[in-house]
């Protein structure tokens, strides 16, 4: 039965892999034109505001397509806007450094909610890239301090928004490669309703206590490759999203996403959700190392933010000292159901998790081995564990979910290795 389920899923993941590795068409990204920002008045001294000079270079280079180059130096800047057929190249030793003047981030509407303009953005652009060995630094300290003073400041739509660092909004053929992205006021790198996105050999960094500094958040985006990324942040290392809480819809799903050969240190782990009102489909994560994260693999939603969420493969995953190794829960921000809860009416936003495979997963030093919990009105079918070995203080809890598999070893220092609550169907060998 396990083999049948895995074989059923294999063609689907193969199609996803083929889709995400489509080679973009030849474009002006290959142009030899180079616009050095110093030629447009940039100083790169860390004191002079270089916003206007950088934007002039982008606008000039966009006329024919080419590369906007930042050589070694610190370029103090307010928000800039990339355009089609532009590569923003940051040489080794170059830092694009966000202004600390909050007034320089104008109010905008983003994700259908009040927001502030990101430091770097592109809207309705195609063939756009950020490359090099340099750094984009959001200078987020003052924003984090403000967030800590204001309750719920990090919630989308709050009265105290903070700018994201890099947003690709409705873009196609996007590449981010080689750079270090760090210290965003809020989420750091967000492909939003974008298609054919490659993020490779990138570091995303922020202090462990920095609020809402998610590393990479694909939002209603498709054909996304995240490869060889090191994330060490204050919130989700990756969070795949597709629609806000209580969304009136319609919302596009996030789909056909591969995540490979990544390392996640501080942060909340690899998440799908919780704002997943458009759904999420065909997601594959392989060869991921977690060390010291709060969570490992996490699929999360609730009755006010769900949709069709499934066809996921997590394979060749190892975790060390991860607090919660596996969380698959339709009760976010909680994980466990209240006692004797009655089913509620199914709505457009009811989460429908299904077909989730975990293969070759090991975890040591965890507090909780796992939680796999569906809603009574929306149980989770098709959770398959194959060669999963977890040592933790507490074991695995299952409720309203069908969990099966072979080669499963759950070792709990306290209590039962596997706890079955209402609606649990467990066949693990």
Protein backbone atom coordinates (compact mmCIF):
# COMPACT_ATOMS: atom_id res chain seq x y z
CA UNK A 1 0.00 0.00 0.00
CA UNK A 2 2.84 2.38 0.87
CA UNK A 3 4.59 1.63 -2.41
CA UNK A 4 1.36 2.28 -4.30
CA UNK A 5 0.96 5.68 -2.70
CA UNK A 6 4.54 6.64 -3.43
CA UNK A 7 4.29 5.48 -7.03
CA UNK A 8 1.09 7.49 -7.44
CA UNK A 9 2.86 10.62 -6.28
CA UNK A 10 6.04 10.18 -8.33
CA UNK A 11 4.63 11.29 -11.72
CA UNK A 12 3.16 14.37 -10.11
CA UNK A 13 6.49 15.42 -8.59
CA UNK A 14 8.27 14.64 -11.84
CA UNK A 15 5.95 16.97 -13.71
CA UNK A 16 6.57 19.65 -11.10
CA UNK A 17 10.33 19.24 -11.41
CA UNK A 18 10.19 19.48 -15.20
CA UNK A 19 8.03 22.59 -14.98
CA UNK A 20 10.30 24.50 -12.63
CA UNK A 21 13.45 23.87 -14.62
CA UNK A 22 12.16 25.37 -17.88
CA UNK A 23 14.92 27.55 -19.32
CA UNK A 24 13.75 31.19 -19.65
CA UNK A 25 13.69 32.63 -23.15
CA UNK A 26 16.69 34.55 -24.42
CA UNK A 27 16.32 38.12 -23.22
CA UNK A 28 18.04 41.39 -22.64
CA UNK A 29 19.38 39.95 -19.39
CA UNK A 30 22.20 38.68 -21.57
CA UNK A 31 22.92 42.17 -22.88
CA UNK A 32 26.46 43.45 -22.48
CA UNK A 33 25.20 46.89 -21.41
CA UNK A 34 26.47 47.80 -17.93
CA UNK A 35 25.23 50.83 -16.03
CA UNK A 36 27.61 51.55 -13.16
CA UNK A 37 25.72 53.53 -10.53
CA UNK A 38 28.74 55.79 -9.97
CA UNK A 39 28.25 57.11 -13.50
CA UNK A 40 24.84 58.38 -12.37
CA UNK A 41 26.10 60.12 -9.23
CA UNK A 42 26.21 57.38 -6.58
CA UNK A 43 28.93 57.78 -3.93
CA UNK A 44 28.81 54.44 -2.12
CA UNK A 45 30.26 56.06 0.99
CA UNK A 46 27.57 54.92 3.43
CA UNK A 47 26.65 58.53 4.22
CA UNK A 48 25.34 60.05 1.01
CA UNK A 49 21.80 59.05 0.05
CA UNK A 50 22.25 57.17 -3.25
CA UNK A 51 18.58 56.43 -3.98
CA UNK A 52 18.19 58.82 -6.92
CA UNK A 53 21.46 57.77 -8.56
CA UNK A 54 20.64 54.07 -8.36
CA UNK A 55 17.16 54.63 -9.74
CA UNK A 56 18.55 56.72 -12.61
CA UNK A 57 20.90 53.86 -13.48
CA UNK A 58 18.02 51.38 -13.43
CA UNK A 59 15.83 53.60 -15.61
CA UNK A 60 18.63 54.21 -18.12
CA UNK A 61 19.62 50.56 -18.34
CA UNK A 62 15.99 49.46 -18.74
CA UNK A 63 15.76 51.27 -22.09
CA UNK A 64 17.80 48.52 -23.75
CA UNK A 65 18.24 46.00 -20.96
CA UNK A 66 21.43 45.17 -19.13
CA UNK A 67 23.19 45.17 -15.77
CA UNK A 68 23.05 47.83 -13.08
CA UNK A 69 26.29 47.41 -11.19
CA UNK A 70 27.15 48.33 -7.61
CA UNK A 71 30.90 48.04 -7.07
CA UNK A 72 32.43 47.70 -3.59
CA UNK A 73 31.06 50.28 -1.15
CA UNK A 74 28.00 50.98 1.00
CA UNK A 75 25.06 52.51 -0.83
CA UNK A 76 22.60 54.14 1.54
CA UNK A 77 19.18 54.06 -0.10
CA UNK A 78 15.45 54.46 0.26
CA UNK A 79 13.20 52.21 -1.88
CA UNK A 80 14.23 51.51 -5.49
CA UNK A 81 12.20 49.84 -8.25
CA UNK A 82 13.61 47.29 -10.70
CA UNK A 83 12.27 46.91 -14.24
CA UNK A 84 12.11 44.28 -16.97
CA UNK A 85 15.34 43.02 -18.52
CA UNK A 86 17.46 44.34 -15.64
CA UNK A 87 20.06 42.57 -13.55
CA UNK A 88 20.98 44.31 -10.30
CA UNK A 89 24.55 43.16 -9.66
CA UNK A 90 26.19 43.68 -6.29
CA UNK A 91 29.92 43.04 -6.46
CA UNK A 92 31.82 41.53 -3.56
CA UNK A 93 32.12 44.23 -0.90
CA UNK A 94 29.02 46.10 -2.12
CA UNK A 95 26.14 46.68 0.30
CA UNK A 96 22.78 48.20 -0.53
CA UNK A 97 21.84 49.57 2.89
CA UNK A 98 18.29 50.58 3.74
CA UNK A 99 17.63 54.07 5.05
CA UNK A 100 16.67 54.26 8.72
CA UNK A 101 14.26 57.14 8.00
CA UNK A 102 10.84 55.50 8.22
CA UNK A 103 9.25 58.40 6.34
CA UNK A 104 11.15 57.37 3.19
CA UNK A 105 9.05 54.20 2.85
CA UNK A 106 5.77 55.46 1.38
CA UNK A 107 2.45 53.78 2.14
CA UNK A 108 1.22 51.38 -0.53
CA UNK A 109 -1.31 48.59 -0.82
CA UNK A 110 0.32 45.18 -0.93
CA UNK A 111 -1.42 41.81 -0.70
CA UNK A 112 -4.68 43.83 -0.71
CA UNK A 113 -3.70 45.34 2.63
CA UNK A 114 -2.03 48.56 3.87
CA UNK A 115 1.74 48.30 3.68
CA UNK A 116 4.94 50.23 3.06
CA UNK A 117 7.10 50.18 -0.07
CA UNK A 118 9.88 47.56 0.06
CA UNK A 119 13.53 48.56 -0.23
CA UNK A 120 13.76 46.66 -3.56
CA UNK A 121 10.75 45.77 -5.68
CA UNK A 122 9.63 44.92 -9.18
CA UNK A 123 6.03 44.88 -10.40
CA UNK A 124 4.76 43.28 -13.62
CA UNK A 125 8.38 42.82 -14.73
CA UNK A 126 9.95 39.96 -16.65
CA UNK A 127 13.54 38.77 -16.96
CA UNK A 128 14.69 40.47 -13.77
CA UNK A 129 17.56 39.36 -11.56
CA UNK A 130 19.59 40.20 -8.46
CA UNK A 131 23.07 38.65 -8.53
CA UNK A 132 26.62 38.94 -7.22
CA UNK A 133 28.51 38.44 -3.99
CA UNK A 134 27.29 41.58 -2.25
CA UNK A 135 24.71 42.29 0.45
CA UNK A 136 21.23 43.79 0.61
CA UNK A 137 20.72 44.95 4.20
CA UNK A 138 17.33 46.22 5.35
CA UNK A 139 18.73 47.95 8.44
CA UNK A 140 15.75 46.65 10.37
CA UNK A 141 16.77 47.36 13.98
CA UNK A 142 14.59 50.45 14.45
CA UNK A 143 11.60 48.70 12.87
CA UNK A 144 12.00 45.68 15.18
CA UNK A 145 12.11 47.98 18.19
CA UNK A 146 8.87 49.59 17.06
CA UNK A 147 7.25 46.21 16.52
CA UNK A 148 8.14 45.11 20.04
CA UNK A 149 6.49 48.24 21.44
CA UNK A 150 3.23 47.73 19.54
CA UNK A 151 1.11 44.66 20.15
CA UNK A 152 0.41 42.66 16.96
CA UNK A 153 2.58 45.01 14.89
CA UNK A 154 3.72 42.08 12.82
CA UNK A 155 0.25 41.00 11.74
CA UNK A 156 -0.66 41.66 8.11
CA UNK A 157 -3.00 44.65 7.89
CA UNK A 158 -1.93 46.06 11.24
CA UNK A 159 -1.91 49.80 11.84
CA UNK A 160 1.87 49.72 12.13
CA UNK A 161 3.14 48.02 8.96
CA UNK A 162 6.80 47.38 8.32
CA UNK A 163 8.32 47.19 4.83
CA UNK A 164 9.48 43.91 3.38
CA UNK A 165 12.98 43.86 1.92
CA UNK A 166 12.58 42.45 -1.62
CA UNK A 167 9.26 41.90 -3.41
CA UNK A 168 8.69 40.52 -6.90
CA UNK A 169 5.03 41.35 -7.56
CA UNK A 170 3.38 39.62 -10.56
CA UNK A 171 6.77 39.02 -12.22
CA UNK A 172 8.03 36.33 -14.61
CA UNK A 173 11.48 34.81 -15.10
CA UNK A 174 13.07 35.97 -11.85
CA UNK A 175 16.54 35.03 -10.62
CA UNK A 176 18.20 35.77 -7.27
CA UNK A 177 21.66 34.27 -7.03
CA UNK A 178 24.80 34.59 -4.91
CA UNK A 179 23.82 37.56 -2.74
CA UNK A 180 23.34 37.83 1.01
CA UNK A 181 19.98 39.25 2.11
CA UNK A 182 19.69 40.34 5.70
CA UNK A 183 18.05 42.37 8.46
CA UNK A 184 14.75 43.13 6.80
CA UNK A 185 12.21 45.10 8.84
CA UNK A 186 9.81 42.22 8.10
CA UNK A 187 9.66 39.43 5.49
CA UNK A 188 12.89 39.34 3.49
CA UNK A 189 12.33 37.88 0.01
CA UNK A 190 8.81 37.46 -1.36
CA UNK A 191 7.83 36.28 -4.84
CA UNK A 192 4.17 37.39 -4.96
CA UNK A 193 1.96 36.04 -7.77
CA UNK A 194 5.16 35.40 -9.72
CA UNK A 195 6.11 32.59 -12.08
CA UNK A 196 9.44 30.93 -12.93
CA UNK A 197 11.52 32.04 -9.95
CA UNK A 198 15.00 30.71 -9.17
CA UNK A 199 16.63 31.50 -5.81
CA UNK A 200 20.04 29.85 -5.62
CA UNK A 201 23.24 30.06 -3.52
CA UNK A 202 21.75 32.76 -1.31
CA UNK A 203 22.17 33.52 2.40
CA UNK A 204 19.26 35.08 4.30
CA UNK A 205 20.15 36.33 7.77
CA UNK A 206 18.62 38.15 10.74
CA UNK A 207 19.00 37.95 14.54
CA UNK A 208 17.14 35.06 16.13
CA UNK A 209 14.95 37.50 18.10
CA UNK A 210 14.02 39.74 15.15
CA UNK A 211 10.22 39.64 14.66
CA UNK A 212 8.64 38.31 11.45
CA UNK A 213 11.91 38.19 9.50
CA UNK A 214 10.87 35.21 7.34
CA UNK A 215 13.67 34.35 4.92
CA UNK A 216 11.77 33.37 1.75
CA UNK A 217 7.97 33.49 1.37
CA UNK A 218 6.65 32.34 -2.01
CA UNK A 219 3.11 33.77 -2.06
CA UNK A 220 0.64 32.48 -4.69
CA UNK A 221 3.64 31.79 -6.91
CA UNK A 222 4.42 28.92 -9.28
CA UNK A 223 7.43 27.11 -10.70
CA UNK A 224 9.74 28.21 -7.91
CA UNK A 225 13.20 26.73 -7.29
CA UNK A 226 14.89 27.36 -3.92
CA UNK A 227 18.32 25.73 -4.00
CA UNK A 228 21.41 25.88 -1.77
CA UNK A 229 20.00 28.51 0.58
CA UNK A 230 21.30 29.14 4.08
CA UNK A 231 18.62 30.72 6.29
CA UNK A 232 19.32 31.90 9.83
CA UNK A 233 16.48 34.24 10.84
CA UNK A 234 13.89 35.18 13.46
CA UNK A 235 10.82 33.55 11.89
CA UNK A 236 10.03 31.01 9.16
CA UNK A 237 13.07 29.95 7.16
CA UNK A 238 10.65 29.33 4.32
CA UNK A 239 6.90 29.99 4.46
CA UNK A 240 4.80 29.12 1.44
CA UNK A 241 1.63 31.23 1.45
CA UNK A 242 -1.31 31.92 -0.84
CA UNK A 243 -3.99 34.03 0.80
CA UNK A 244 -4.57 36.06 3.96
CA UNK A 245 -6.70 35.28 6.97
CA UNK A 246 -10.45 35.59 6.24
CA UNK A 247 -9.67 36.21 2.57
CA UNK A 248 -12.75 37.02 0.48
CA UNK A 249 -10.98 35.40 -2.49
CA UNK A 250 -10.21 34.57 -5.14
CA UNK A 251 -6.66 33.53 -4.28
CA UNK A 252 -4.21 31.71 -6.54
CA UNK A 253 -2.42 28.67 -5.13
CA UNK A 254 1.29 28.32 -4.61
CA UNK A 255 2.31 25.34 -6.73
CA UNK A 256 5.18 23.45 -8.34
CA UNK A 257 7.85 24.45 -5.83
CA UNK A 258 11.12 22.60 -5.21
CA UNK A 259 13.40 23.21 -2.24
CA UNK A 260 16.75 21.43 -2.36
CA UNK A 261 20.10 21.27 -0.53
CA UNK A 262 19.32 23.96 2.05
CA UNK A 263 20.48 24.58 5.62
CA UNK A 264 18.17 26.17 8.18
CA UNK A 265 19.54 27.34 11.52
CA UNK A 266 17.62 29.75 13.77
CA UNK A 267 14.04 30.22 12.63
CA UNK A 268 10.69 28.51 12.61
CA UNK A 269 11.57 25.92 9.99
CA UNK A 270 10.11 24.97 6.61
CA UNK A 271 6.45 25.97 6.65
CA UNK A 272 3.53 25.65 4.30
CA UNK A 273 0.98 28.17 5.61
CA UNK A 274 -0.49 29.45 7.70
CA UNK A 275 -2.00 32.04 5.32
CA UNK A 276 -2.90 29.46 2.67
CA UNK A 277 -6.39 30.56 1.51
CA UNK A 278 -5.46 29.88 -2.12
CA UNK A 279 -4.10 26.43 -1.38
CA UNK A 280 -0.71 24.84 -2.08
CA UNK A 281 0.06 21.93 -4.40
CA UNK A 282 3.00 19.94 -5.72
CA UNK A 283 5.78 20.89 -3.31
CA UNK A 284 8.99 18.88 -3.01
CA UNK A 285 11.72 19.43 -0.41
CA UNK A 286 14.86 17.27 -0.48
CA UNK A 287 18.21 17.21 1.28
CA UNK A 288 17.39 19.79 3.93
CA UNK A 289 19.43 20.14 7.14
CA UNK A 290 17.79 21.72 10.19
CA UNK A 291 19.83 22.62 13.23
CA UNK A 292 18.46 24.53 16.21
CA UNK A 293 15.25 25.67 14.52
CA UNK A 294 12.00 25.89 16.48
CA UNK A 295 10.31 23.57 14.00
CA UNK A 296 11.33 21.27 11.20
CA UNK A 297 8.60 20.40 8.72
CA UNK A 298 5.41 22.35 9.35
CA UNK A 299 2.13 22.41 7.43
CA UNK A 300 -0.29 24.77 9.17
CA UNK A 301 -3.69 26.38 8.68
CA UNK A 302 -7.00 26.97 10.41
CA UNK A 303 -10.66 27.30 9.52
CA UNK A 304 -10.18 30.96 8.56
CA UNK A 305 -7.26 30.55 6.11
CA UNK A 306 -7.29 27.15 4.36
CA UNK A 307 -7.97 25.52 0.98
CA UNK A 308 -6.73 22.50 -1.03
CA UNK A 309 -3.30 21.73 0.46
CA UNK A 310 -1.48 18.62 -0.67
CA UNK A 311 0.76 16.49 -2.86
CA UNK A 312 3.91 17.20 -0.84
CA UNK A 313 7.13 15.19 -0.67
CA UNK A 314 9.72 15.74 2.06
CA UNK A 315 12.71 13.48 1.45
CA UNK A 316 16.25 13.08 2.85
CA UNK A 317 15.73 15.45 5.77
CA UNK A 318 17.89 15.55 8.90
CA UNK A 319 17.23 17.56 12.05
CA UNK A 320 19.35 18.24 15.12
CA UNK A 321 18.00 19.91 18.27
CA UNK A 322 14.81 21.01 16.54
CA UNK A 323 12.07 21.68 19.07
CA UNK A 324 9.17 20.22 17.06
CA UNK A 325 10.27 17.85 14.32
CA UNK A 326 6.97 17.51 12.44
CA UNK A 327 3.83 19.62 12.76
CA UNK A 328 0.93 19.01 10.41
CA UNK A 329 -2.02 20.79 11.98
CA UNK A 330 -5.26 22.41 10.89
CA UNK A 331 -5.50 24.24 14.25
CA UNK A 332 -2.84 26.95 13.85
CA UNK A 333 -1.69 28.81 15.95
CA UNK A 334 -2.50 25.91 18.24
CA UNK A 335 -1.50 22.42 17.23
CA UNK A 336 -3.80 20.13 19.24
CA UNK A 337 -7.61 20.05 19.13
CA UNK A 338 -9.79 20.88 22.09
CA UNK A 339 -11.37 17.88 23.79
CA UNK A 340 -14.51 16.45 22.15
CA UNK A 341 -14.86 19.13 19.50
CA UNK A 342 -17.85 18.77 17.17
CA UNK A 343 -17.43 19.18 13.40
CA UNK A 344 -18.13 22.64 12.02
CA UNK A 345 -19.60 23.55 8.62
CA UNK A 346 -17.18 23.25 5.71
CA UNK A 347 -16.54 26.60 3.99
CA UNK A 348 -14.30 27.95 1.22
CA UNK A 349 -11.59 28.50 3.83
CA UNK A 350 -11.73 25.08 5.46
CA UNK A 351 -8.23 23.55 5.16
CA UNK A 352 -8.14 20.28 3.24
CA UNK A 353 -4.75 18.65 3.79
CA UNK A 354 -3.98 15.43 1.90
CA UNK A 355 -1.23 13.30 0.30
CA UNK A 356 1.81 14.22 2.36
CA UNK A 357 4.85 11.93 2.14
CA UNK A 358 7.88 12.02 4.46
CA UNK A 359 10.72 9.75 3.38
CA UNK A 360 14.18 9.26 4.92
CA UNK A 361 13.66 11.72 7.77
CA UNK A 362 15.77 11.66 10.94
CA UNK A 363 15.57 13.88 14.01
CA UNK A 364 17.51 13.82 17.27
CA UNK A 365 17.33 16.05 20.32
CA UNK A 366 13.75 17.19 19.71
CA UNK A 367 11.22 18.09 22.37
CA UNK A 368 8.23 16.82 20.35
CA UNK A 369 8.48 14.14 17.68
CA UNK A 370 5.40 15.29 15.86
CA UNK A 371 1.77 16.29 15.65
CA UNK A 372 -0.50 15.25 12.77
CA UNK A 373 -3.93 16.69 13.46
CA UNK A 374 -6.87 17.37 11.18
CA UNK A 375 -10.23 18.95 11.85
CA UNK A 376 -13.18 16.68 12.65
CA UNK A 377 -14.94 18.07 9.54
CA UNK A 378 -11.75 17.80 7.45
CA UNK A 379 -9.60 14.79 8.39
CA UNK A 380 -6.20 14.40 6.70
CA UNK A 381 -5.93 11.38 4.36
CA UNK A 382 -2.77 9.97 2.83
CA UNK A 383 -0.01 10.86 5.28
CA UNK A 384 2.79 8.41 4.51
CA UNK A 385 5.94 8.01 6.62
CA UNK A 386 8.71 5.90 5.11
CA UNK A 387 12.00 5.36 6.93
CA UNK A 388 11.30 8.06 9.53
CA UNK A 389 13.34 7.90 12.73
CA UNK A 390 12.80 10.46 15.50
CA UNK A 391 14.15 10.61 19.05
CA UNK A 392 12.38 13.16 21.25
CA UNK A 393 11.24 13.92 24.75
CA UNK A 394 7.60 13.49 23.72
CA UNK A 395 6.23 11.27 20.99
CA UNK A 396 3.89 11.60 17.99
CA UNK A 397 0.24 12.63 18.41
CA UNK A 398 -2.34 11.82 15.72
CA UNK A 399 -5.96 12.99 15.50
CA UNK A 400 -8.40 12.97 12.58
CA UNK A 401 -5.69 11.77 10.21
CA UNK A 402 -4.85 8.59 8.31
CA UNK A 403 -1.14 7.89 8.87
CA UNK A 404 0.62 4.84 7.48
CA UNK A 405 4.17 3.79 6.71
CA UNK A 406 7.09 1.42 7.12
CA UNK A 407 10.48 1.74 8.74
CA UNK A 408 9.12 4.18 11.34
CA UNK A 409 10.87 4.50 14.72
CA UNK A 410 9.54 7.03 17.23
CA UNK A 411 11.42 7.04 20.53
CA UNK A 412 9.92 9.09 23.37
CA UNK A 413 11.76 9.70 26.63
CA UNK A 414 8.44 10.47 28.34
CA UNK A 415 5.01 8.99 27.65
CA UNK A 416 3.82 6.97 24.68
CA UNK A 417 5.75 6.90 21.43
CA UNK A 418 2.47 7.38 19.52
CA UNK A 419 -0.70 8.87 21.02
CA UNK A 420 -3.95 8.31 19.15
CA UNK A 421 -6.71 10.82 19.74
CA UNK A 422 -10.21 10.98 18.19
CA UNK A 423 -10.31 10.15 14.49
CA UNK A 424 -6.78 8.72 14.34
CA UNK A 425 -6.05 5.91 11.89
CA UNK A 426 -2.46 4.75 12.32
CA UNK A 427 -0.70 1.88 10.58
CA UNK A 428 3.03 2.31 11.18
CA UNK A 429 5.52 -0.57 11.03
